[in-house]
PDB file of N, CA and C in Angstrom:
ATOM      1  N   MET A   1     -61.631 -19.312  17.088  1.00  0.00           N
ATOM      2  CA  MET A   1     -62.846 -18.851  17.909  1.00  0.00           C
ATOM      3  C   MET A   1     -62.544 -17.571  18.522  1.00  0.00           C
ATOM      4  N   ASN A   2     -63.519 -16.696  18.456  1.00  0.00           N
ATOM      5  CA  ASN A   2     -63.422 -15.283  19.074  1.00  0.00           C
ATOM      6  C   ASN A   2     -63.844 -15.432  20.418  1.00  0.00           C
ATOM      7  N   HIS A   3     -65.102 -15.817  20.607  1.00  0.00           N
ATOM      8  CA  HIS A   3     -65.663 -15.831  22.024  1.00  0.00           C
ATOM      9  C   HIS A   3     -67.025 -16.824  21.894  1.00  0.00           C
ATOM     10  N   ILE A   4     -67.573 -17.174  23.226  1.00  0.00           N
ATOM     11  CA  ILE A   4     -68.648 -17.840  23.429  1.00  0.00           C
ATOM     12  C   ILE A   4     -69.573 -17.018  24.025  1.00  0.00           C
ATOM     13  N   GLY A   5     -70.840 -17.114  23.743  1.00  0.00           N
ATOM     14  CA  GLY A   5     -71.835 -16.242  24.476  1.00  0.00           C
ATOM     15  C   GLY A   5     -72.812 -17.043  25.371  1.00  0.00           C
ATOM     16  N   PHE A   6     -73.294 -16.456  26.574  1.00  0.00           N
ATOM     17  CA  PHE A   6     -74.129 -17.113  27.407  1.00  0.00           C
ATOM     18  C   PHE A   6     -75.064 -16.051  28.044  1.00  0.00           C
ATOM     19  N   TYR A   7     -76.303 -16.419  28.265  1.00  0.00           N
ATOM     20  CA  TYR A   7     -77.221 -15.610  29.044  1.00  0.00           C
ATOM     21  C   TYR A   7     -77.326 -15.914  30.517  1.00  0.00           C
ATOM     22  N   VAL A   8     -77.439 -14.927  31.162  1.00  0.00           N
ATOM     23  CA  VAL A   8     -77.743 -15.111  32.676  1.00  0.00           C
ATOM     24  C   VAL A   8     -78.875 -14.176  33.015  1.00  0.00           C
ATOM     25  N   PRO A   9     -79.666 -14.483  34.080  1.00  0.00           N
ATOM     26  CA  PRO A   9     -80.745 -13.573  34.513  1.00  0.00           C
ATOM     27  C   PRO A   9     -80.394 -12.331  35.025  1.00  0.00           C
ATOM     28  N   ASN A  10     -79.262 -12.197  35.543  1.00  0.00           N
ATOM     29  CA  ASN A  10     -78.658 -10.804  36.278  1.00  0.00           C
ATOM     30  C   ASN A  10     -77.207 -10.730  35.984  1.00  0.00           C
ATOM     31  N   VAL A  11     -76.758  -9.932  35.028  1.00  0.00           N
ATOM     32  CA  VAL A  11     -75.290  -9.815  34.839  1.00  0.00           C
ATOM     33  C   VAL A  11     -74.693  -9.202  36.006  1.00  0.00           C
ATOM     34  N   PRO A  12     -74.861  -8.180  36.644  1.00  0.00           N
ATOM     35  CA  PRO A  12     -74.104  -7.629  37.724  1.00  0.00           C
ATOM     36  C   PRO A  12     -73.949  -8.543  38.915  1.00  0.00           C
ATOM     37  N   GLU A  13     -75.153  -9.383  39.203  1.00  0.00           N
ATOM     38  CA  GLU A  13     -74.937 -10.309  40.189  1.00  0.00           C
ATOM     39  C   GLU A  13     -73.995 -11.471  39.839  1.00  0.00           C
ATOM     40  N   SER A  14     -74.129 -11.896  38.614  1.00  0.00           N
ATOM     41  CA  SER A  14     -73.156 -13.027  38.136  1.00  0.00           C
ATOM     42  C   SER A  14     -71.720 -12.523  38.214  1.00  0.00           C
ATOM     43  N   VAL A  15     -71.450 -11.349  37.585  1.00  0.00           N
ATOM     44  CA  VAL A  15     -70.100 -10.847  37.671  1.00  0.00           C
ATOM     45  C   VAL A  15     -69.610 -10.764  39.126  1.00  0.00           C
ATOM     46  N   THR A  16     -70.360 -10.273  40.021  1.00  0.00           N
ATOM     47  CA  THR A  16     -69.816 -10.192  41.492  1.00  0.00           C
ATOM     48  C   THR A  16     -69.512 -11.683  41.793  1.00  0.00           C
ATOM     49  N   LYS A  17     -70.197 -12.738  41.578  1.00  0.00           N
ATOM     50  CA  LYS A  17     -69.932 -14.039  42.049  1.00  0.00           C
ATOM     51  C   LYS A  17     -68.437 -14.420  41.272  1.00  0.00           C
ATOM     52  N   TRP A  18     -68.519 -14.105  39.983  1.00  0.00           N
ATOM     53  CA  TRP A  18     -67.235 -14.725  39.170  1.00  0.00           C
ATOM     54  C   TRP A  18     -65.922 -13.926  39.721  1.00  0.00           C
ATOM     55  N   LYS A  19     -66.111 -12.479  40.024  1.00  0.00           N
ATOM     56  CA  LYS A  19     -64.896 -11.877  40.658  1.00  0.00           C
ATOM     57  C   LYS A  19     -64.519 -12.437  41.865  1.00  0.00           C
ATOM     58  N   ALA A  20     -65.502 -12.691  42.709  1.00  0.00           N
ATOM     59  CA  ALA A  20     -65.116 -13.269  44.144  1.00  0.00           C
ATOM     60  C   ALA A  20     -64.508 -14.724  43.944  1.00  0.00           C
ATOM     61  N   ALA A  21     -64.735 -15.316  42.931  1.00  0.00           N
ATOM     62  CA  ALA A  21     -64.105 -16.578  42.610  1.00  0.00           C
ATOM     63  C   ALA A  21     -62.814 -16.391  41.933  1.00  0.00           C
ATOM     64  N   GLY A  22     -62.301 -15.196  41.761  1.00  0.00           N
ATOM     65  CA  GLY A  22     -60.991 -14.835  41.136  1.00  0.00           C
ATOM     66  C   GLY A  22     -60.897 -14.765  39.615  1.00  0.00           C
ATOM     67  N   LEU A  23     -62.128 -14.910  39.053  1.00  0.00           N
ATOM     68  CA  LEU A  23     -62.175 -14.799  37.402  1.00  0.00           C
ATOM     69  C   LEU A  23     -61.878 -13.401  36.953  1.00  0.00           C
ATOM     70  N   LYS A  24     -61.192 -13.238  35.842  1.00  0.00           N
ATOM     71  CA  LYS A  24     -61.087 -11.944  35.200  1.00  0.00           C
ATOM     72  C   LYS A  24     -62.280 -11.539  34.505  1.00  0.00           C
ATOM     73  N   THR A  25     -62.879 -10.380  34.842  1.00  0.00           N
ATOM     74  CA  THR A  25     -64.165 -10.058  34.246  1.00  0.00           C
ATOM     75  C   THR A  25     -63.918  -8.523  33.624  1.00  0.00           C
ATOM     76  N   GLU A  26     -64.596  -8.180  32.727  1.00  0.00           N
ATOM     77  CA  GLU A  26     -64.561  -6.861  32.121  1.00  0.00           C
ATOM     78  C   GLU A  26     -65.908  -6.451  31.612  1.00  0.00           C
ATOM     79  N   PRO A  27     -66.261  -5.123  31.813  1.00  0.00           N
ATOM     80  CA  PRO A  27     -67.569  -4.691  31.471  1.00  0.00           C
ATOM     81  C   PRO A  27     -67.770  -4.735  29.976  1.00  0.00           C
ATOM     82  N   GLY A  28     -69.007  -4.807  29.573  1.00  0.00           N
ATOM     83  CA  GLY A  28     -69.418  -4.868  28.294  1.00  0.00           C
ATOM     84  C   GLY A  28     -69.463  -3.327  27.716  1.00  0.00           C
ATOM     85  N   GLN A  29     -69.968  -3.360  26.495  1.00  0.00           N
ATOM     86  CA  GLN A  29     -70.042  -1.959  25.973  1.00  0.00           C
ATOM     87  C   GLN A  29     -71.398  -1.477  26.055  1.00  0.00           C
ATOM     88  N   ARG A  30     -72.300  -2.300  26.550  1.00  0.00           N
ATOM     89  CA  ARG A  30     -73.777  -1.817  26.690  1.00  0.00           C
ATOM     90  C   ARG A  30     -74.275  -2.540  28.113  1.00  0.00           C
ATOM     91  N   ALA A  31     -75.442  -1.960  28.573  1.00  0.00           N
ATOM     92  CA  ALA A  31     -76.017  -2.515  29.649  1.00  0.00           C
ATOM     93  C   ALA A  31     -76.470  -3.991  29.450  1.00  0.00           C
ATOM     94  N   GLY A  32     -76.264  -4.740  30.411  1.00  0.00           N
ATOM     95  CA  GLY A  32     -76.707  -6.137  30.493  1.00  0.00           C
ATOM     96  C   GLY A  32     -75.556  -6.874  29.602  1.00  0.00           C
ATOM     97  N   GLN A  33     -74.310  -6.442  29.600  1.00  0.00           N
ATOM     98  CA  GLN A  33     -73.374  -7.275  28.975  1.00  0.00           C
ATOM     99  C   GLN A  33     -72.038  -7.158  29.755  1.00  0.00           C
ATOM    100  N   ALA A  34     -71.229  -8.202  29.650  1.00  0.00           N
ATOM    101  CA  ALA A  34     -70.018  -8.264  30.614  1.00  0.00           C
ATOM    102  C   ALA A  34     -69.186  -9.419  29.689  1.00  0.00           C
ATOM    103  N   TYR A  35     -67.937  -9.487  30.083  1.00  0.00           N
ATOM    104  CA  TYR A  35     -67.043 -10.671  29.658  1.00  0.00           C
ATOM    105  C   TYR A  35     -66.282 -11.248  30.710  1.00  0.00           C
ATOM    106  N   VAL A  36     -66.132 -12.571  30.696  1.00  0.00           N
ATOM    107  CA  VAL A  36     -65.294 -13.367  31.400  1.00  0.00           C
ATOM    108  C   VAL A  36     -64.267 -14.026  30.751  1.00  0.00           C
ATOM    109  N   THR A  37     -62.946 -14.130  31.317  1.00  0.00           N
ATOM    110  CA  THR A  37     -62.001 -14.825  30.718  1.00  0.00           C
ATOM    111  C   THR A  37     -61.554 -16.063  31.419  1.00  0.00           C
ATOM    112  N   THR A  38     -61.294 -17.118  30.755  1.00  0.00           N
ATOM    113  CA  THR A  38     -60.935 -18.355  31.515  1.00  0.00           C
ATOM    114  C   THR A  38     -59.470 -18.025  32.325  1.00  0.00           C
ATOM    115  N   PRO A  39     -59.220 -18.587  33.194  1.00  0.00           N
ATOM    116  CA  PRO A  39     -57.895 -18.534  34.003  1.00  0.00           C
ATOM    117  C   PRO A  39     -56.646 -18.554  33.006  1.00  0.00           C
ATOM    118  N   ASP A  40     -56.666 -19.413  31.994  1.00  0.00           N
ATOM    119  CA  ASP A  40     -55.626 -19.568  31.171  1.00  0.00           C
ATOM    120  C   ASP A  40     -55.586 -18.645  29.939  1.00  0.00           C
ATOM    121  N   ASP A  41     -56.511 -17.578  30.062  1.00  0.00           N
ATOM    122  CA  ASP A  41     -56.688 -16.549  28.998  1.00  0.00           C
ATOM    123  C   ASP A  41     -56.892 -17.274  27.576  1.00  0.00           C
ATOM    124  N   LEU A  42     -57.458 -18.489  27.428  1.00  0.00           N
ATOM    125  CA  LEU A  42     -57.584 -19.062  26.170  1.00  0.00           C
ATOM    126  C   LEU A  42     -58.967 -18.803  25.712  1.00  0.00           C
ATOM    127  N   VAL A  43     -60.072 -18.593  26.546  1.00  0.00           N
ATOM    128  CA  VAL A  43     -61.419 -18.450  26.116  1.00  0.00           C
ATOM    129  C   VAL A  43     -62.051 -17.146  26.661  1.00  0.00           C
ATOM    130  N   ARG A  44     -62.508 -16.297  25.825  1.00  0.00           N
ATOM    131  CA  ARG A  44     -63.232 -15.140  26.222  1.00  0.00           C
ATOM    132  C   ARG A  44     -64.759 -15.409  26.232  1.00  0.00           C
ATOM    133  N   ILE A  45     -65.524 -15.193  27.170  1.00  0.00           N
ATOM    134  CA  ILE A  45     -66.968 -15.569  27.306  1.00  0.00           C
ATOM    135  C   ILE A  45     -67.786 -14.159  27.366  1.00  0.00           C
ATOM    136  N   GLU A  46     -68.637 -14.049  26.493  1.00  0.00           N
ATOM    137  CA  GLU A  46     -69.597 -12.861  26.423  1.00  0.00           C
ATOM    138  C   GLU A  46     -70.769 -13.363  27.503  1.00  0.00           C
ATOM    139  N   ILE A  47     -71.220 -12.412  28.357  1.00  0.00           N
ATOM    140  CA  ILE A  47     -72.251 -12.638  29.232  1.00  0.00           C
ATOM    141  C   ILE A  47     -73.284 -11.581  28.914  1.00  0.00           C
ATOM    142  N   LEU A  48     -74.538 -12.133  28.601  1.00  0.00           N
ATOM    143  CA  LEU A  48     -75.652 -11.152  28.284  1.00  0.00           C
ATOM    144  C   LEU A  48     -76.735 -11.466  29.177  1.00  0.00           C
ATOM    145  N   GLU A  49     -77.608 -10.423  29.594  1.00  0.00           N
ATOM    146  CA  GLU A  49     -78.702 -10.528  30.457  1.00  0.00           C
ATOM    147  C   GLU A  49     -79.956 -10.867  29.813  1.00  0.00           C
ATOM    148  N   ASN A  50     -80.617 -11.885  30.273  1.00  0.00           N
ATOM    149  CA  ASN A  50     -82.098 -12.065  29.877  1.00  0.00           C
ATOM    150  C   ASN A  50     -82.801 -12.411  31.328  1.00  0.00           C
ATOM    151  N   THR A  51     -83.587 -11.442  31.544  1.00  0.00           N
ATOM    152  CA  THR A  51     -84.152 -11.452  32.927  1.00  0.00           C
ATOM    153  C   THR A  51     -85.321 -12.344  32.984  1.00  0.00           C
ATOM    154  N   SER A  52     -85.845 -12.940  31.778  1.00  0.00           N
ATOM    155  CA  SER A  52     -86.777 -13.978  31.914  1.00  0.00           C
ATOM    156  C   SER A  52     -86.265 -15.262  31.854  1.00  0.00           C
ATOM    157  N   LEU A  53     -84.991 -15.535  31.999  1.00  0.00           N
ATOM    158  CA  LEU A  53     -84.439 -16.813  32.157  1.00  0.00           C
ATOM    159  C   LEU A  53     -84.714 -17.586  33.475  1.00  0.00           C
ATOM    160  N   THR A  54     -85.089 -18.830  33.439  1.00  0.00           N
ATOM    161  CA  THR A  54     -85.471 -19.538  34.676  1.00  0.00           C
ATOM    162  C   THR A  54     -84.309 -20.552  35.005  1.00  0.00           C
ATOM    163  N   VAL A  55     -83.265 -20.624  34.520  1.00  0.00           N
ATOM    164  CA  VAL A  55     -81.994 -21.232  34.859  1.00  0.00           C
ATOM    165  C   VAL A  55     -80.836 -20.331  35.274  1.00  0.00           C
ATOM    166  N   PRO A  56     -79.831 -20.822  35.777  1.00  0.00           N
ATOM    167  CA  PRO A  56     -78.757 -19.834  36.303  1.00  0.00           C
ATOM    168  C   PRO A  56     -78.147 -19.454  34.967  1.00  0.00           C
ATOM    169  N   ILE A  57     -77.816 -20.165  33.908  1.00  0.00           N
ATOM    170  CA  ILE A  57     -77.059 -19.805  32.638  1.00  0.00           C
ATOM    171  C   ILE A  57     -77.488 -20.644  31.611  1.00  0.00           C
ATOM    172  N   SER A  58     -77.365 -19.879  30.353  1.00  0.00           N
ATOM    173  CA  SER A  58     -77.889 -20.582  29.283  1.00  0.00           C
ATOM    174  C   SER A  58     -77.032 -20.257  27.937  1.00  0.00           C
ATOM    175  N   PHE A  59     -76.677 -21.316  27.326  1.00  0.00           N
ATOM    176  CA  PHE A  59     -75.862 -21.109  26.076  1.00  0.00           C
ATOM    177  C   PHE A  59     -76.575 -20.078  24.846  1.00  0.00           C
ATOM    178  N   ASP A  60     -75.850 -19.340  24.270  1.00  0.00           N
ATOM    179  CA  ASP A  60     -76.443 -18.410  23.483  1.00  0.00           C
ATOM    180  C   ASP A  60     -75.719 -18.614  21.938  1.00  0.00           C
ATOM    181  N   HIS A  61     -74.333 -18.429  21.897  1.00  0.00           N
ATOM    182  CA  HIS A  61     -73.709 -18.307  20.634  1.00  0.00           C
ATOM    183  C   HIS A  61     -72.304 -18.663  20.660  1.00  0.00           C
ATOM    184  N   ILE A  62     -71.646 -18.894  19.582  1.00  0.00           N
ATOM    185  CA  ILE A  62     -70.098 -18.912  19.331  1.00  0.00           C
ATOM    186  C   ILE A  62     -69.920 -18.040  18.112  1.00  0.00           C
ATOM    187  N   HIS A  63     -68.925 -17.259  18.354  1.00  0.00           N
ATOM    188  CA  HIS A  63     -68.437 -16.398  17.158  1.00  0.00           C
ATOM    189  C   HIS A  63     -67.008 -16.775  16.827  1.00  0.00           C
ATOM    190  N   PHE A  64     -66.783 -17.189  15.496  1.00  0.00           N
ATOM    191  CA  PHE A  64     -65.605 -17.691  14.981  1.00  0.00           C
ATOM    192  C   PHE A  64     -65.152 -16.648  14.086  1.00  0.00           C
ATOM    193  N   TRP A  65     -63.765 -16.567  14.109  1.00  0.00           N
ATOM    194  CA  TRP A  65     -62.990 -15.404  13.264  1.00  0.00           C
ATOM    195  C   TRP A  65     -62.033 -16.204  12.500  1.00  0.00           C
ATOM    196  N   VAL A  66     -62.090 -16.220  11.396  1.00  0.00           N
ATOM    197  CA  VAL A  66     -61.229 -16.954  10.451  1.00  0.00           C
ATOM    198  C   VAL A  66     -60.483 -16.138   9.517  1.00  0.00           C
ATOM    199  N   THR A  67     -59.237 -16.334   9.351  1.00  0.00           N
ATOM    200  CA  THR A  67     -58.382 -15.746   8.334  1.00  0.00           C
ATOM    201  C   THR A  67     -58.712 -15.811   6.992  1.00  0.00           C
ATOM    202  N   GLU A  68     -58.262 -14.822   6.351  1.00  0.00           N
ATOM    203  CA  GLU A  68     -58.622 -14.851   4.754  1.00  0.00           C
ATOM    204  C   GLU A  68     -57.719 -15.983   4.172  1.00  0.00           C
ATOM    205  N   PRO A  69     -58.395 -16.693   3.336  1.00  0.00           N
ATOM    206  CA  PRO A  69     -57.491 -17.972   2.686  1.00  0.00           C
ATOM    207  C   PRO A  69     -56.401 -17.258   1.734  1.00  0.00           C
ATOM    208  N   PRO A  70     -55.221 -17.972   1.683  1.00  0.00           N
ATOM    209  CA  PRO A  70     -54.154 -17.371   0.798  1.00  0.00           C
ATOM    210  C   PRO A  70     -54.594 -17.161  -0.682  1.00  0.00           C
ATOM    211  N   SER A  71     -54.175 -16.085  -1.317  1.00  0.00           N
ATOM    212  CA  SER A  71     -54.374 -15.873  -2.669  1.00  0.00           C
ATOM    213  C   SER A  71     -53.700 -16.688  -3.637  1.00  0.00           C
TER     214      SER A  71
END
């Protein structure tokens, strides 16, 4: 698995809370995107902004990266 993706209503606000909780965060490559890594560095979580969201966080996707099968 490469990463899991979630939506939040406000990325900067959410990142501020996660940083305060001691989680490792990194900016995304575009506005409304950021990444959080679990404390054990095993899972990378993509955070995307959806301002119409009515809940604090919502699942969006999982990206899998698989190796090429042997020839």
